[in-house]
C-alpha atoms as a PDB file:
ATOM      1  CA  UNK A   1      28.687-102.921 -24.199  1.00  0.00           C
ATOM      2  CA  UNK A   2      28.359-106.408 -25.602  1.00  0.00           C
ATOM      3  CA  UNK A   3      25.551-108.877 -24.991  1.00  0.00           C
ATOM      4  CA  UNK A   4      27.258-110.689 -22.074  1.00  0.00           C
ATOM      5  CA  UNK A   5      27.883-107.412 -20.210  1.00  0.00           C
ATOM      6  CA  UNK A   6      24.312-106.271 -20.797  1.00  0.00           C
ATOM      7  CA  UNK A   7      22.944-109.630 -19.581  1.00  0.00           C
ATOM      8  CA  UNK A   8      25.136-109.599 -16.484  1.00  0.00           C
ATOM      9  CA  UNK A   9      24.236-106.011 -15.575  1.00  0.00           C
ATOM     10  CA  UNK A  10      20.506-106.690 -16.010  1.00  0.00           C
ATOM     11  CA  UNK A  11      20.704-109.905 -13.991  1.00  0.00           C
ATOM     12  CA  UNK A  12      22.567-108.136 -11.159  1.00  0.00           C
ATOM     13  CA  UNK A  13      20.005-105.312 -11.121  1.00  0.00           C
ATOM     14  CA  UNK A  14      17.093-107.771 -10.878  1.00  0.00           C
ATOM     15  CA  UNK A  15      18.768-109.759  -8.094  1.00  0.00           C
ATOM     16  CA  UNK A  16      19.452-106.555  -6.127  1.00  0.00           C
ATOM     17  CA  UNK A  17      15.862-105.386  -6.578  1.00  0.00           C
ATOM     18  CA  UNK A  18      14.446-108.727  -5.397  1.00  0.00           C
ATOM     19  CA  UNK A  19      16.749-108.735  -2.358  1.00  0.00           C
ATOM     20  CA  UNK A  20      15.439-105.310  -1.338  1.00  0.00           C
ATOM     21  CA  UNK A  21      11.817-106.485  -1.253  1.00  0.00           C
ATOM     22  CA  UNK A  22      10.813-107.358   2.294  1.00  0.00           C
ATOM     23  CA  UNK A  23       8.363-110.277   2.417  1.00  0.00           C
ATOM     24  CA  UNK A  24       5.134-109.667   4.289  1.00  0.00           C
ATOM     25  CA  UNK A  25       5.079-111.091   7.808  1.00  0.00           C
ATOM     26  CA  UNK A  26       3.240-114.341   8.431  1.00  0.00           C
ATOM     27  CA  UNK A  27       0.286-114.175  10.821  1.00  0.00           C
ATOM     28  CA  UNK A  28      -1.199-116.976  12.859  1.00  0.00           C
ATOM     29  CA  UNK A  29      -4.695-116.416  14.197  1.00  0.00           C
ATOM     30  CA  UNK A  30      -5.297-117.513  17.770  1.00  0.00           C
ATOM     31  CA  UNK A  31      -8.292-117.462  20.087  1.00  0.00           C
ATOM     32  CA  UNK A  32      -8.519-113.851  21.228  1.00  0.00           C
ATOM     33  CA  UNK A  33      -7.686-113.089  24.846  1.00  0.00           C
ATOM     34  CA  UNK A  34      -7.332-110.058  27.101  1.00  0.00           C
ATOM     35  CA  UNK A  35      -3.921-109.047  28.427  1.00  0.00           C
ATOM     36  CA  UNK A  36      -1.920-105.940  29.467  1.00  0.00           C
ATOM     37  CA  UNK A  37       0.839-103.932  27.813  1.00  0.00           C
ATOM     38  CA  UNK A  38       3.997-102.582  29.514  1.00  0.00           C
ATOM     39  CA  UNK A  39       2.039 -99.751  31.120  1.00  0.00           C
ATOM     40  CA  UNK A  40      -0.714-101.941  32.529  1.00  0.00           C
ATOM     41  CA  UNK A  41      -3.257-100.850  29.909  1.00  0.00           C
ATOM     42  CA  UNK A  42      -5.674-103.586  28.783  1.00  0.00           C
ATOM     43  CA  UNK A  43      -5.251-104.923  25.246  1.00  0.00           C
ATOM     44  CA  UNK A  44      -7.031-107.565  23.182  1.00  0.00           C
ATOM     45  CA  UNK A  45      -4.651-110.090  21.573  1.00  0.00           C
ATOM     46  CA  UNK A  46      -5.987-111.549  18.304  1.00  0.00           C
ATOM     47  CA  UNK A  47      -2.967-113.236  16.732  1.00  0.00           C
ATOM     48  CA  UNK A  48       0.752-113.860  16.545  1.00  0.00           C
ATOM     49  CA  UNK A  49       2.898-112.427  13.769  1.00  0.00           C
ATOM     50  CA  UNK A  50       6.427-113.277  12.634  1.00  0.00           C
ATOM     51  CA  UNK A  51       8.337-110.082  11.880  1.00  0.00           C
ATOM     52  CA  UNK A  52      12.093-110.217  11.148  1.00  0.00           C
ATOM     53  CA  UNK A  53      12.291-113.712  12.703  1.00  0.00           C
ATOM     54  CA  UNK A  54      10.758-112.424  15.958  1.00  0.00           C
ATOM     55  CA  UNK A  55       7.333-113.510  17.158  1.00  0.00           C
ATOM     56  CA  UNK A  56       5.099-110.608  18.155  1.00  0.00           C
ATOM     57  CA  UNK A  57       1.541-110.400  19.426  1.00  0.00           C
ATOM     58  CA  UNK A  58      -1.044-108.745  17.216  1.00  0.00           C
ATOM     59  CA  UNK A  59      -3.258-106.618  19.453  1.00  0.00           C
ATOM     60  CA  UNK A  60      -6.199-104.299  18.921  1.00  0.00           C
ATOM     61  CA  UNK A  61      -5.637-100.759  20.191  1.00  0.00           C
ATOM     62  CA  UNK A  62      -7.988 -97.813  20.245  1.00  0.00           C
ATOM     63  CA  UNK A  63      -7.629 -94.028  20.253  1.00  0.00           C
ATOM     64  CA  UNK A  64      -9.454 -91.603  22.509  1.00  0.00           C
ATOM     65  CA  UNK A  65     -11.896 -90.912  19.649  1.00  0.00           C
ATOM     66  CA  UNK A  66     -12.808 -94.628  19.380  1.00  0.00           C
ATOM     67  CA  UNK A  67     -10.760 -95.531  16.295  1.00  0.00           C
ATOM     68  CA  UNK A  68      -9.427 -99.096  16.533  1.00  0.00           C
ATOM     69  CA  UNK A  69      -6.453-100.591  14.701  1.00  0.00           C
ATOM     70  CA  UNK A  70      -4.144-103.639  14.882  1.00  0.00           C
ATOM     71  CA  UNK A  71      -0.555-103.252  16.053  1.00  0.00           C
ATOM     72  CA  UNK A  72       2.310-105.723  16.636  1.00  0.00           C
ATOM     73  CA  UNK A  73       3.689-105.841  20.192  1.00  0.00           C
ATOM     74  CA  UNK A  74       6.642-107.873  21.430  1.00  0.00           C
ATOM     75  CA  UNK A  75       5.856-107.627  25.170  1.00  0.00           C
ATOM     76  CA  UNK A  76       2.425-108.533  26.496  1.00  0.00           C
ATOM     77  CA  UNK A  77       1.588-109.589  30.071  1.00  0.00           C
ATOM     78  CA  UNK A  78      -1.147-111.606  31.757  1.00  0.00           C
ATOM     79  CA  UNK A  79      -3.744-109.425  33.445  1.00  0.00           C
ATOM     80  CA  UNK A  80      -2.382-108.109  36.745  1.00  0.00           C
ATOM     81  CA  UNK A  81       1.284-108.988  36.070  1.00  0.00           C
ATOM     82  CA  UNK A  82       2.642-106.043  34.051  1.00  0.00           C
ATOM     83  CA  UNK A  83       5.581-104.009  35.318  1.00  0.00           C
ATOM     84  CA  UNK A  84       3.505-100.841  35.784  1.00  0.00           C
END
């Protein structure tokens, strides 16, 4: 393998590796508000996130044991207007 082949193969490998890296989604903080999910459960919306060119709401959810965590949701409803 000569220098040009080695350079080309290395360049192609780096380009492929960079293309495989998914950039982190961008988040926009908003004033928090209360809403409902698809099932009519109350959620607290704290931001908007862009994920794969789709805007999603960033909400705080909690488990039965009290653990809270953020999760991205694409469908959120005003209080009292969910499909449930």
